[in-house]
Amino acid sequence: MNLSESGNLTLDDISGHPGLSPTDSKMLSLLVAGVTDKAIASQMNLSRRNVQRRIRSLMERAGVGTRMQLAWQAARRGWLRRETPPEEPFSARLTSSASSARSGESF
């Protein structure tokens, strides 16, 4: 974060991927998904302390003070990557189902 001349706080905008290691990238994805430090450590074969250190480092890199802010900044800055294509939005499925029901199609 920076303090602008007008006294407002602004967020630094780092374009694109910050060059995260594959380990940090996966860890960040798990963190954003709500996985606990203990589970991340177990899944990635790391110590819980190592996971905590790496998350703290990512927080410093993003210039944030909480994990929630880290998740928000990671999404905002494009640090998260999708490994699978996004699903059709639920609302679109509802609309599709409703039109199928009106046309007499069965589910």
N, C-alpha and C. Protein backbone atom coordinates (compact mmCIF):
# COMPACT_ATOMS: atom_id res chain seq x y z
N MET A 1 0.84 -1.17 0.00
CA MET A 1 0.00 0.00 0.00
C MET A 1 0.88 1.23 0.00
N ASN A 2 0.37 2.26 -0.61
CA ASN A 2 1.06 3.54 -0.65
C ASN A 2 0.11 4.63 -0.19
N LEU A 3 0.68 5.70 0.32
CA LEU A 3 -0.09 6.88 0.69
C LEU A 3 0.06 7.89 -0.43
N SER A 4 -1.06 8.23 -1.07
CA SER A 4 -1.00 9.18 -2.18
C SER A 4 -0.81 10.59 -1.64
N GLU A 5 -0.54 11.51 -2.55
CA GLU A 5 -0.34 12.91 -2.16
C GLU A 5 -1.57 13.48 -1.48
N SER A 6 -2.75 13.00 -1.85
CA SER A 6 -3.99 13.49 -1.24
C SER A 6 -4.26 12.85 0.12
N GLY A 7 -3.39 11.92 0.52
CA GLY A 7 -3.55 11.27 1.82
C GLY A 7 -4.36 10.00 1.79
N ASN A 8 -4.73 9.53 0.60
CA ASN A 8 -5.51 8.30 0.48
C ASN A 8 -4.58 7.10 0.34
N LEU A 9 -4.98 5.99 0.92
CA LEU A 9 -4.22 4.76 0.76
C LEU A 9 -4.54 4.15 -0.59
N THR A 10 -3.51 3.74 -1.31
CA THR A 10 -3.69 3.07 -2.60
C THR A 10 -2.93 1.76 -2.58
N LEU A 11 -3.40 0.80 -3.34
CA LEU A 11 -2.73 -0.49 -3.43
C LEU A 11 -1.79 -0.49 -4.62
N ASP A 12 -0.59 -1.03 -4.43
CA ASP A 12 0.33 -1.20 -5.54
C ASP A 12 -0.27 -2.24 -6.48
N ASP A 13 -0.20 -1.99 -7.75
CA ASP A 13 -0.73 -2.94 -8.71
C ASP A 13 0.41 -3.57 -9.47
N ILE A 14 0.69 -4.82 -9.17
CA ILE A 14 1.73 -5.55 -9.87
C ILE A 14 1.03 -6.33 -10.97
N SER A 15 1.32 -5.98 -12.20
CA SER A 15 0.65 -6.63 -13.32
C SER A 15 1.17 -8.05 -13.51
N GLY A 16 0.24 -8.93 -13.84
CA GLY A 16 0.62 -10.30 -14.17
C GLY A 16 1.06 -11.13 -12.99
N HIS A 17 1.66 -12.24 -13.29
CA HIS A 17 2.12 -13.21 -12.29
C HIS A 17 3.41 -12.72 -11.66
N PRO A 18 3.53 -12.77 -10.34
CA PRO A 18 4.71 -12.24 -9.68
C PRO A 18 5.90 -13.18 -9.68
N GLY A 19 5.84 -14.25 -10.44
CA GLY A 19 6.95 -15.20 -10.44
C GLY A 19 6.95 -16.09 -9.21
N LEU A 20 5.76 -16.49 -8.78
CA LEU A 20 5.66 -17.39 -7.64
C LEU A 20 6.25 -18.75 -7.99
N SER A 21 6.87 -19.37 -7.01
CA SER A 21 7.34 -20.73 -7.23
C SER A 21 6.12 -21.65 -7.33
N PRO A 22 6.28 -22.81 -7.94
CA PRO A 22 5.15 -23.75 -8.00
C PRO A 22 4.62 -24.11 -6.61
N THR A 23 5.53 -24.21 -5.64
CA THR A 23 5.12 -24.53 -4.27
C THR A 23 4.27 -23.41 -3.69
N ASP A 24 4.73 -22.16 -3.85
CA ASP A 24 3.97 -21.03 -3.32
C ASP A 24 2.64 -20.87 -4.04
N SER A 25 2.63 -21.11 -5.33
CA SER A 25 1.40 -21.01 -6.11
C SER A 25 0.37 -22.03 -5.63
N LYS A 26 0.79 -23.26 -5.43
CA LYS A 26 -0.13 -24.30 -4.95
C LYS A 26 -0.59 -23.98 -3.54
N MET A 27 0.34 -23.54 -2.69
CA MET A 27 0.01 -23.20 -1.31
C MET A 27 -1.03 -22.08 -1.27
N LEU A 28 -0.85 -21.09 -2.10
CA LEU A 28 -1.78 -19.97 -2.16
C LEU A 28 -3.16 -20.43 -2.61
N SER A 29 -3.20 -21.30 -3.59
CA SER A 29 -4.47 -21.83 -4.07
C SER A 29 -5.19 -22.60 -2.97
N LEU A 30 -4.44 -23.40 -2.22
CA LEU A 30 -5.05 -24.16 -1.11
C LEU A 30 -5.53 -23.22 -0.01
N LEU A 31 -4.75 -22.19 0.29
CA LEU A 31 -5.13 -21.22 1.31
C LEU A 31 -6.43 -20.52 0.92
N VAL A 32 -6.51 -20.08 -0.32
CA VAL A 32 -7.71 -19.40 -0.81
C VAL A 32 -8.92 -20.34 -0.77
N ALA A 33 -8.69 -21.62 -0.97
CA ALA A 33 -9.77 -22.61 -0.93
C ALA A 33 -10.22 -22.91 0.50
N GLY A 34 -9.52 -22.34 1.49
CA GLY A 34 -9.93 -22.53 2.88
C GLY A 34 -9.29 -23.71 3.58
N VAL A 35 -8.25 -24.27 3.00
CA VAL A 35 -7.56 -25.41 3.60
C VAL A 35 -6.69 -24.91 4.76
N THR A 36 -6.68 -25.63 5.87
CA THR A 36 -5.90 -25.22 7.04
C THR A 36 -4.41 -25.39 6.81
N ASP A 37 -3.62 -24.68 7.61
CA ASP A 37 -2.16 -24.81 7.51
C ASP A 37 -1.72 -26.25 7.70
N LYS A 38 -2.32 -26.92 8.66
CA LYS A 38 -1.96 -28.31 8.95
C LYS A 38 -2.24 -29.20 7.75
N ALA A 39 -3.39 -29.01 7.11
CA ALA A 39 -3.74 -29.82 5.94
C ALA A 39 -2.86 -29.48 4.74
N ILE A 40 -2.54 -28.19 4.58
CA ILE A 40 -1.63 -27.79 3.50
C ILE A 40 -0.29 -28.46 3.69
N ALA A 41 0.22 -28.41 4.92
CA ALA A 41 1.52 -29.00 5.24
C ALA A 41 1.51 -30.50 4.93
N SER A 42 0.47 -31.16 5.35
CA SER A 42 0.36 -32.60 5.13
C SER A 42 0.28 -32.92 3.63
N GLN A 43 -0.56 -32.19 2.92
CA GLN A 43 -0.77 -32.44 1.49
C GLN A 43 0.49 -32.16 0.67
N MET A 44 1.28 -31.15 1.12
CA MET A 44 2.45 -30.76 0.34
C MET A 44 3.75 -31.32 0.92
N ASN A 45 3.63 -32.14 1.96
CA ASN A 45 4.79 -32.76 2.59
C ASN A 45 5.79 -31.71 3.12
N LEU A 46 5.24 -30.70 3.81
CA LEU A 46 6.02 -29.65 4.43
C LEU A 46 5.67 -29.58 5.91
N SER A 47 6.50 -28.90 6.69
CA SER A 47 6.15 -28.69 8.08
C SER A 47 5.13 -27.55 8.16
N ARG A 48 4.32 -27.57 9.21
CA ARG A 48 3.34 -26.50 9.37
C ARG A 48 4.04 -25.15 9.52
N ARG A 49 5.17 -25.14 10.20
CA ARG A 49 5.93 -23.90 10.38
C ARG A 49 6.42 -23.36 9.03
N ASN A 50 6.85 -24.25 8.15
CA ASN A 50 7.30 -23.84 6.82
C ASN A 50 6.14 -23.22 6.05
N VAL A 51 4.98 -23.82 6.14
CA VAL A 51 3.79 -23.28 5.49
C VAL A 51 3.49 -21.88 6.02
N GLN A 52 3.54 -21.72 7.33
CA GLN A 52 3.26 -20.41 7.94
C GLN A 52 4.28 -19.36 7.50
N ARG A 53 5.54 -19.74 7.42
CA ARG A 53 6.58 -18.80 6.97
C ARG A 53 6.35 -18.37 5.52
N ARG A 54 6.01 -19.33 4.69
CA ARG A 54 5.81 -19.01 3.27
C ARG A 54 4.57 -18.14 3.07
N ILE A 55 3.53 -18.39 3.84
CA ILE A 55 2.32 -17.56 3.75
C ILE A 55 2.64 -16.15 4.23
N ARG A 56 3.41 -16.03 5.31
CA ARG A 56 3.82 -14.71 5.81
C ARG A 56 4.62 -13.97 4.72
N SER A 57 5.49 -14.69 4.04
CA SER A 57 6.29 -14.09 2.97
C SER A 57 5.39 -13.60 1.83
N LEU A 58 4.38 -14.38 1.48
CA LEU A 58 3.43 -13.97 0.44
C LEU A 58 2.64 -12.74 0.88
N MET A 59 2.29 -12.68 2.16
CA MET A 59 1.57 -11.53 2.69
C MET A 59 2.43 -10.26 2.60
N GLU A 60 3.70 -10.41 2.93
CA GLU A 60 4.61 -9.26 2.83
C GLU A 60 4.77 -8.82 1.38
N ARG A 61 4.88 -9.78 0.50
CA ARG A 61 5.02 -9.49 -0.93
C ARG A 61 3.82 -8.74 -1.47
N ALA A 62 2.63 -9.11 -0.98
CA ALA A 62 1.40 -8.45 -1.42
C ALA A 62 1.15 -7.15 -0.66
N GLY A 63 1.90 -6.93 0.41
CA GLY A 63 1.71 -5.71 1.20
C GLY A 63 0.44 -5.70 2.01
N VAL A 64 0.09 -6.88 2.55
CA VAL A 64 -1.15 -7.00 3.31
C VAL A 64 -0.87 -7.52 4.72
N GLY A 65 -1.86 -7.39 5.59
CA GLY A 65 -1.68 -7.80 6.98
C GLY A 65 -2.47 -9.01 7.40
N THR A 66 -3.41 -9.46 6.57
CA THR A 66 -4.22 -10.62 6.94
C THR A 66 -4.29 -11.61 5.78
N ARG A 67 -4.65 -12.83 6.11
CA ARG A 67 -4.81 -13.86 5.08
C ARG A 67 -5.97 -13.55 4.14
N MET A 68 -7.00 -12.96 4.69
CA MET A 68 -8.15 -12.57 3.86
C MET A 68 -7.71 -11.54 2.82
N GLN A 69 -6.91 -10.57 3.25
CA GLN A 69 -6.40 -9.58 2.32
C GLN A 69 -5.48 -10.22 1.28
N LEU A 70 -4.70 -11.20 1.71
CA LEU A 70 -3.83 -11.92 0.78
C LEU A 70 -4.65 -12.61 -0.30
N ALA A 71 -5.71 -13.28 0.10
CA ALA A 71 -6.57 -13.97 -0.86
C ALA A 71 -7.17 -12.97 -1.85
N TRP A 72 -7.63 -11.85 -1.36
CA TRP A 72 -8.23 -10.83 -2.21
C TRP A 72 -7.20 -10.27 -3.19
N GLN A 73 -6.02 -9.95 -2.67
CA GLN A 73 -4.96 -9.40 -3.53
C GLN A 73 -4.48 -10.43 -4.55
N ALA A 74 -4.38 -11.67 -4.14
CA ALA A 74 -3.95 -12.73 -5.06
C ALA A 74 -4.92 -12.84 -6.24
N ALA A 75 -6.21 -12.79 -5.94
CA ALA A 75 -7.22 -12.85 -7.00
C ALA A 75 -7.16 -11.59 -7.86
N ARG A 76 -7.04 -10.46 -7.23
CA ARG A 76 -7.01 -9.18 -7.93
C ARG A 76 -5.81 -9.06 -8.86
N ARG A 77 -4.68 -9.57 -8.41
CA ARG A 77 -3.44 -9.43 -9.18
C ARG A 77 -3.20 -10.58 -10.17
N GLY A 78 -4.08 -11.54 -10.19
CA GLY A 78 -3.92 -12.64 -11.12
C GLY A 78 -2.91 -13.68 -10.67
N TRP A 79 -2.68 -13.76 -9.36
CA TRP A 79 -1.72 -14.74 -8.83
C TRP A 79 -2.31 -16.14 -8.79
N LEU A 80 -3.61 -16.24 -8.87
CA LEU A 80 -4.27 -17.54 -8.82
C LEU A 80 -4.52 -18.00 -10.24
N ARG A 81 -4.29 -19.26 -10.48
CA ARG A 81 -4.57 -19.77 -11.82
C ARG A 81 -5.58 -20.90 -11.70
N ARG A 82 -6.40 -21.00 -12.70
CA ARG A 82 -7.40 -22.07 -12.74
C ARG A 82 -6.76 -23.29 -13.38
N GLU A 83 -6.92 -24.42 -12.71
CA GLU A 83 -6.38 -25.65 -13.27
C GLU A 83 -7.44 -26.41 -14.06
N THR A 84 -8.70 -26.08 -13.81
CA THR A 84 -9.78 -26.70 -14.56
C THR A 84 -10.66 -25.58 -15.11
N PRO A 85 -11.33 -25.81 -16.23
CA PRO A 85 -12.18 -24.76 -16.77
C PRO A 85 -13.32 -24.44 -15.80
N PRO A 86 -13.74 -23.19 -15.76
CA PRO A 86 -14.83 -22.83 -14.85
C PRO A 86 -16.11 -23.54 -15.24
N GLU A 87 -16.90 -23.85 -14.23
CA GLU A 87 -18.19 -24.47 -14.48
C GLU A 87 -19.17 -23.44 -14.99
N GLU A 88 -20.22 -23.93 -15.61
CA GLU A 88 -21.31 -23.06 -16.02
C GLU A 88 -21.91 -22.46 -14.75
N PRO A 89 -22.16 -21.16 -14.71
CA PRO A 89 -22.74 -20.56 -13.51
C PRO A 89 -24.04 -21.23 -13.11
N PHE A 90 -24.27 -21.32 -11.82
CA PHE A 90 -25.47 -21.97 -11.29
C PHE A 90 -26.73 -21.32 -11.86
N SER A 91 -26.73 -19.99 -11.95
CA SER A 91 -27.91 -19.29 -12.46
C SER A 91 -28.20 -19.70 -13.90
N ALA A 92 -27.16 -19.94 -14.69
CA ALA A 92 -27.36 -20.37 -16.09
C ALA A 92 -27.96 -21.77 -16.12
N ARG A 93 -27.53 -22.63 -15.18
CA ARG A 93 -28.10 -23.98 -15.14
C ARG A 93 -29.57 -23.92 -14.76
N LEU A 94 -29.91 -23.02 -13.82
CA LEU A 94 -31.31 -22.87 -13.43
C LEU A 94 -32.15 -22.39 -14.60
N THR A 95 -31.64 -21.41 -15.33
CA THR A 95 -32.36 -20.88 -16.49
C THR A 95 -32.55 -21.97 -17.53
N SER A 96 -31.50 -22.75 -17.77
CA SER A 96 -31.57 -23.84 -18.73
C SER A 96 -32.59 -24.90 -18.29
N SER A 97 -32.57 -25.23 -17.00
CA SER A 97 -33.51 -26.22 -16.47
C SER A 97 -34.95 -25.73 -16.56
N ALA A 98 -35.15 -24.45 -16.26
CA ALA A 98 -36.50 -23.88 -16.29
C ALA A 98 -37.04 -23.89 -17.72
N SER A 99 -36.21 -23.55 -18.69
CA SER A 99 -36.69 -23.53 -20.08
C SER A 99 -36.95 -24.96 -20.57
N SER A 100 -36.15 -25.92 -20.09
CA SER A 100 -36.39 -27.31 -20.46
C SER A 100 -37.71 -27.80 -19.88
N ALA A 101 -38.02 -27.40 -18.66
CA ALA A 101 -39.25 -27.82 -18.01
C ALA A 101 -40.46 -27.22 -18.72
N ARG A 102 -40.33 -25.97 -19.16
CA ARG A 102 -41.44 -25.32 -19.87
C ARG A 102 -41.68 -25.99 -21.23
N SER A 103 -40.64 -26.50 -21.84
CA SER A 103 -40.80 -27.11 -23.16
C SER A 103 -41.20 -28.58 -23.07
N GLY A 104 -41.39 -29.07 -21.83
CA GLY A 104 -41.86 -30.43 -21.64
C GLY A 104 -40.78 -31.47 -21.58
N GLU A 105 -39.51 -31.06 -21.57
CA GLU A 105 -38.42 -32.03 -21.47
C GLU A 105 -38.34 -32.53 -20.03
N SER A 106 -37.96 -33.78 -19.89
CA SER A 106 -37.78 -34.32 -18.55
C SER A 106 -36.32 -34.27 -18.18
N PHE A 107 -36.03 -34.32 -16.89
CA PHE A 107 -34.66 -34.22 -16.38
C PHE A 107 -34.01 -35.56 -16.31
